[in-house]
Amino acid sequence: MADVIDTANDQADYFLQIALSRHPRPIAGMVSAEFCADCDEAIPVLRQKSVDGCQTCLDCQELRERGR
């Protein structure tokens, strides 16, 4: 029984690693953009400072996350 559970855990870990590798995290300390990459509007300074490496304004980021 333990072998089946070990195999299932190994498989779950494998798929988790694949999923994480497809969504790389921004490197800490990355410079944020001043203007949104999607709509060219200014990104608020507070967002630039609180989200390392942000490239989009909040509205465009929400659209990206919803898949539009």
N, C-alpha and C. Protein backbone atom coordinates (compact mmCIF):
# COMPACT_ATOMS: atom_id res chain seq x y z
N MET A 1 0.82 -1.20 0.00
CA MET A 1 0.00 0.00 0.00
C MET A 1 0.86 1.26 0.00
N ALA A 2 1.95 1.24 0.74
CA ALA A 2 2.82 2.40 0.80
C ALA A 2 3.45 2.70 -0.55
N ASP A 3 3.71 1.69 -1.35
CA ASP A 3 4.30 1.91 -2.66
C ASP A 3 3.37 2.70 -3.57
N VAL A 4 2.08 2.42 -3.52
CA VAL A 4 1.10 3.14 -4.33
C VAL A 4 1.03 4.60 -3.88
N ILE A 5 1.04 4.82 -2.59
CA ILE A 5 0.98 6.18 -2.07
C ILE A 5 2.26 6.94 -2.41
N ASP A 6 3.40 6.29 -2.29
CA ASP A 6 4.67 6.93 -2.66
C ASP A 6 4.68 7.31 -4.14
N THR A 7 4.18 6.42 -4.97
CA THR A 7 4.11 6.70 -6.41
C THR A 7 3.19 7.88 -6.69
N ALA A 8 2.05 7.92 -6.01
CA ALA A 8 1.10 9.03 -6.19
C ALA A 8 1.72 10.35 -5.74
N ASN A 9 2.43 10.33 -4.62
CA ASN A 9 3.10 11.55 -4.14
C ASN A 9 4.18 12.01 -5.11
N ASP A 10 4.95 11.07 -5.64
CA ASP A 10 5.99 11.42 -6.61
C ASP A 10 5.37 12.03 -7.86
N GLN A 11 4.26 11.46 -8.30
CA GLN A 11 3.59 11.97 -9.50
C GLN A 11 3.01 13.37 -9.23
N ALA A 12 2.41 13.56 -8.07
CA ALA A 12 1.86 14.87 -7.72
C ALA A 12 2.97 15.92 -7.67
N ASP A 13 4.11 15.56 -7.09
CA ASP A 13 5.25 16.47 -7.03
C ASP A 13 5.76 16.81 -8.43
N TYR A 14 5.80 15.80 -9.30
CA TYR A 14 6.25 16.00 -10.68
C TYR A 14 5.36 17.02 -11.39
N PHE A 15 4.04 16.86 -11.28
CA PHE A 15 3.12 17.78 -11.95
C PHE A 15 3.17 19.17 -11.33
N LEU A 16 3.39 19.25 -10.03
CA LEU A 16 3.54 20.55 -9.38
C LEU A 16 4.76 21.28 -9.91
N GLN A 17 5.87 20.57 -10.04
CA GLN A 17 7.10 21.18 -10.56
C GLN A 17 6.91 21.67 -12.00
N ILE A 18 6.19 20.91 -12.80
CA ILE A 18 5.91 21.34 -14.18
C ILE A 18 5.08 22.62 -14.16
N ALA A 19 4.03 22.65 -13.35
CA ALA A 19 3.17 23.83 -13.28
C ALA A 19 3.95 25.06 -12.81
N LEU A 20 4.79 24.89 -11.80
CA LEU A 20 5.58 26.02 -11.30
C LEU A 20 6.59 26.50 -12.32
N SER A 21 7.16 25.60 -13.10
CA SER A 21 8.15 26.01 -14.09
C SER A 21 7.53 26.78 -15.24
N ARG A 22 6.25 26.60 -15.46
CA ARG A 22 5.55 27.33 -16.53
C ARG A 22 5.18 28.75 -16.13
N HIS A 23 5.27 29.06 -14.86
CA HIS A 23 4.92 30.39 -14.36
C HIS A 23 6.06 30.93 -13.51
N PRO A 24 7.14 31.36 -14.16
CA PRO A 24 8.29 31.85 -13.39
C PRO A 24 7.94 33.12 -12.61
N ARG A 25 8.47 33.22 -11.45
CA ARG A 25 8.27 34.40 -10.60
C ARG A 25 9.26 35.48 -11.01
N PRO A 26 8.84 36.75 -10.93
CA PRO A 26 9.79 37.82 -11.21
C PRO A 26 10.94 37.79 -10.20
N ILE A 27 12.10 38.14 -10.65
CA ILE A 27 13.27 38.18 -9.77
C ILE A 27 13.11 39.35 -8.81
N ALA A 28 13.34 39.11 -7.53
CA ALA A 28 13.23 40.16 -6.52
C ALA A 28 14.17 41.31 -6.87
N GLY A 29 13.66 42.51 -6.75
CA GLY A 29 14.47 43.68 -7.04
C GLY A 29 14.40 44.11 -8.50
N MET A 30 13.62 43.40 -9.31
CA MET A 30 13.47 43.78 -10.71
C MET A 30 12.79 45.14 -10.79
N VAL A 31 13.19 45.95 -11.71
CA VAL A 31 12.65 47.30 -11.87
C VAL A 31 11.27 47.22 -12.53
N SER A 32 10.32 47.91 -11.94
CA SER A 32 8.97 47.96 -12.50
C SER A 32 8.91 49.00 -13.61
N ALA A 33 8.02 48.77 -14.55
CA ALA A 33 7.82 49.71 -15.65
C ALA A 33 7.06 50.94 -15.15
N GLU A 34 7.31 52.08 -15.78
CA GLU A 34 6.57 53.29 -15.44
C GLU A 34 5.24 53.34 -16.17
N PHE A 35 5.19 52.71 -17.35
CA PHE A 35 3.97 52.71 -18.15
C PHE A 35 3.56 51.28 -18.46
N CYS A 36 2.27 51.05 -18.50
CA CYS A 36 1.71 49.72 -18.72
C CYS A 36 2.11 49.19 -20.10
N ALA A 37 2.52 47.94 -20.15
CA ALA A 37 2.93 47.30 -21.40
C ALA A 37 1.74 47.06 -22.32
N ASP A 38 0.52 47.03 -21.77
CA ASP A 38 -0.67 46.74 -22.58
C ASP A 38 -1.40 48.00 -23.04
N CYS A 39 -1.60 48.97 -22.14
CA CYS A 39 -2.41 50.14 -22.50
C CYS A 39 -1.62 51.45 -22.53
N ASP A 40 -0.35 51.41 -22.16
CA ASP A 40 0.53 52.58 -22.15
C ASP A 40 0.14 53.67 -21.15
N GLU A 41 -0.77 53.37 -20.23
CA GLU A 41 -1.10 54.32 -19.17
C GLU A 41 -0.02 54.26 -18.09
N ALA A 42 0.12 55.32 -17.33
CA ALA A 42 1.10 55.35 -16.25
C ALA A 42 0.71 54.36 -15.15
N ILE A 43 1.70 53.62 -14.65
CA ILE A 43 1.48 52.71 -13.53
C ILE A 43 1.71 53.51 -12.25
N PRO A 44 0.75 53.50 -11.31
CA PRO A 44 0.93 54.27 -10.08
C PRO A 44 2.22 53.88 -9.35
N VAL A 45 2.87 54.88 -8.77
CA VAL A 45 4.15 54.66 -8.10
C VAL A 45 4.01 53.63 -6.97
N LEU A 46 2.91 53.67 -6.25
CA LEU A 46 2.70 52.70 -5.17
C LEU A 46 2.72 51.27 -5.72
N ARG A 47 2.09 51.04 -6.87
CA ARG A 47 2.11 49.70 -7.48
C ARG A 47 3.53 49.35 -7.93
N GLN A 48 4.23 50.30 -8.52
CA GLN A 48 5.60 50.04 -8.96
C GLN A 48 6.49 49.60 -7.80
N LYS A 49 6.29 50.22 -6.65
CA LYS A 49 7.13 49.91 -5.49
C LYS A 49 6.70 48.63 -4.78
N SER A 50 5.40 48.33 -4.80
CA SER A 50 4.92 47.17 -4.05
C SER A 50 4.99 45.87 -4.83
N VAL A 51 5.04 45.94 -6.17
CA VAL A 51 5.11 44.73 -7.01
C VAL A 51 6.40 44.78 -7.82
N ASP A 52 7.42 44.07 -7.36
CA ASP A 52 8.70 44.06 -8.08
C ASP A 52 8.51 43.58 -9.51
N GLY A 53 8.99 44.37 -10.45
CA GLY A 53 8.97 43.96 -11.85
C GLY A 53 7.63 44.04 -12.53
N CYS A 54 6.67 44.77 -11.95
CA CYS A 54 5.35 44.83 -12.60
C CYS A 54 5.49 45.53 -13.95
N GLN A 55 4.76 45.03 -14.92
CA GLN A 55 4.82 45.56 -16.27
C GLN A 55 3.47 46.08 -16.75
N THR A 56 2.42 45.87 -15.94
CA THR A 56 1.08 46.29 -16.33
C THR A 56 0.39 47.02 -15.19
N CYS A 57 -0.60 47.85 -15.55
CA CYS A 57 -1.42 48.50 -14.54
C CYS A 57 -2.36 47.44 -13.94
N LEU A 58 -3.04 47.79 -12.89
CA LEU A 58 -3.90 46.85 -12.19
C LEU A 58 -5.02 46.33 -13.09
N ASP A 59 -5.65 47.23 -13.85
CA ASP A 59 -6.76 46.81 -14.72
C ASP A 59 -6.29 45.82 -15.78
N CYS A 60 -5.17 46.09 -16.42
CA CYS A 60 -4.65 45.19 -17.45
C CYS A 60 -4.19 43.87 -16.85
N GLN A 61 -3.63 43.92 -15.64
CA GLN A 61 -3.21 42.67 -14.99
C GLN A 61 -4.41 41.80 -14.69
N GLU A 62 -5.51 42.41 -14.25
CA GLU A 62 -6.74 41.64 -14.00
C GLU A 62 -7.24 40.99 -15.28
N LEU A 63 -7.18 41.73 -16.39
CA LEU A 63 -7.60 41.16 -17.68
C LEU A 63 -6.71 39.99 -18.08
N ARG A 64 -5.41 40.13 -17.86
CA ARG A 64 -4.48 39.04 -18.17
C ARG A 64 -4.80 37.79 -17.35
N GLU A 65 -5.06 37.99 -16.07
CA GLU A 65 -5.32 36.86 -15.19
C GLU A 65 -6.64 36.18 -15.50
N ARG A 66 -7.58 36.93 -16.05
CA ARG A 66 -8.85 36.34 -16.46
C ARG A 66 -8.76 35.68 -17.83
N GLY A 67 -7.63 35.89 -18.50
CA GLY A 67 -7.41 35.24 -19.79
C GLY A 67 -8.01 35.97 -20.98
N ARG A 68 -8.17 37.26 -20.85
CA ARG A 68 -8.75 38.03 -21.97
C ARG A 68 -7.66 38.65 -22.79
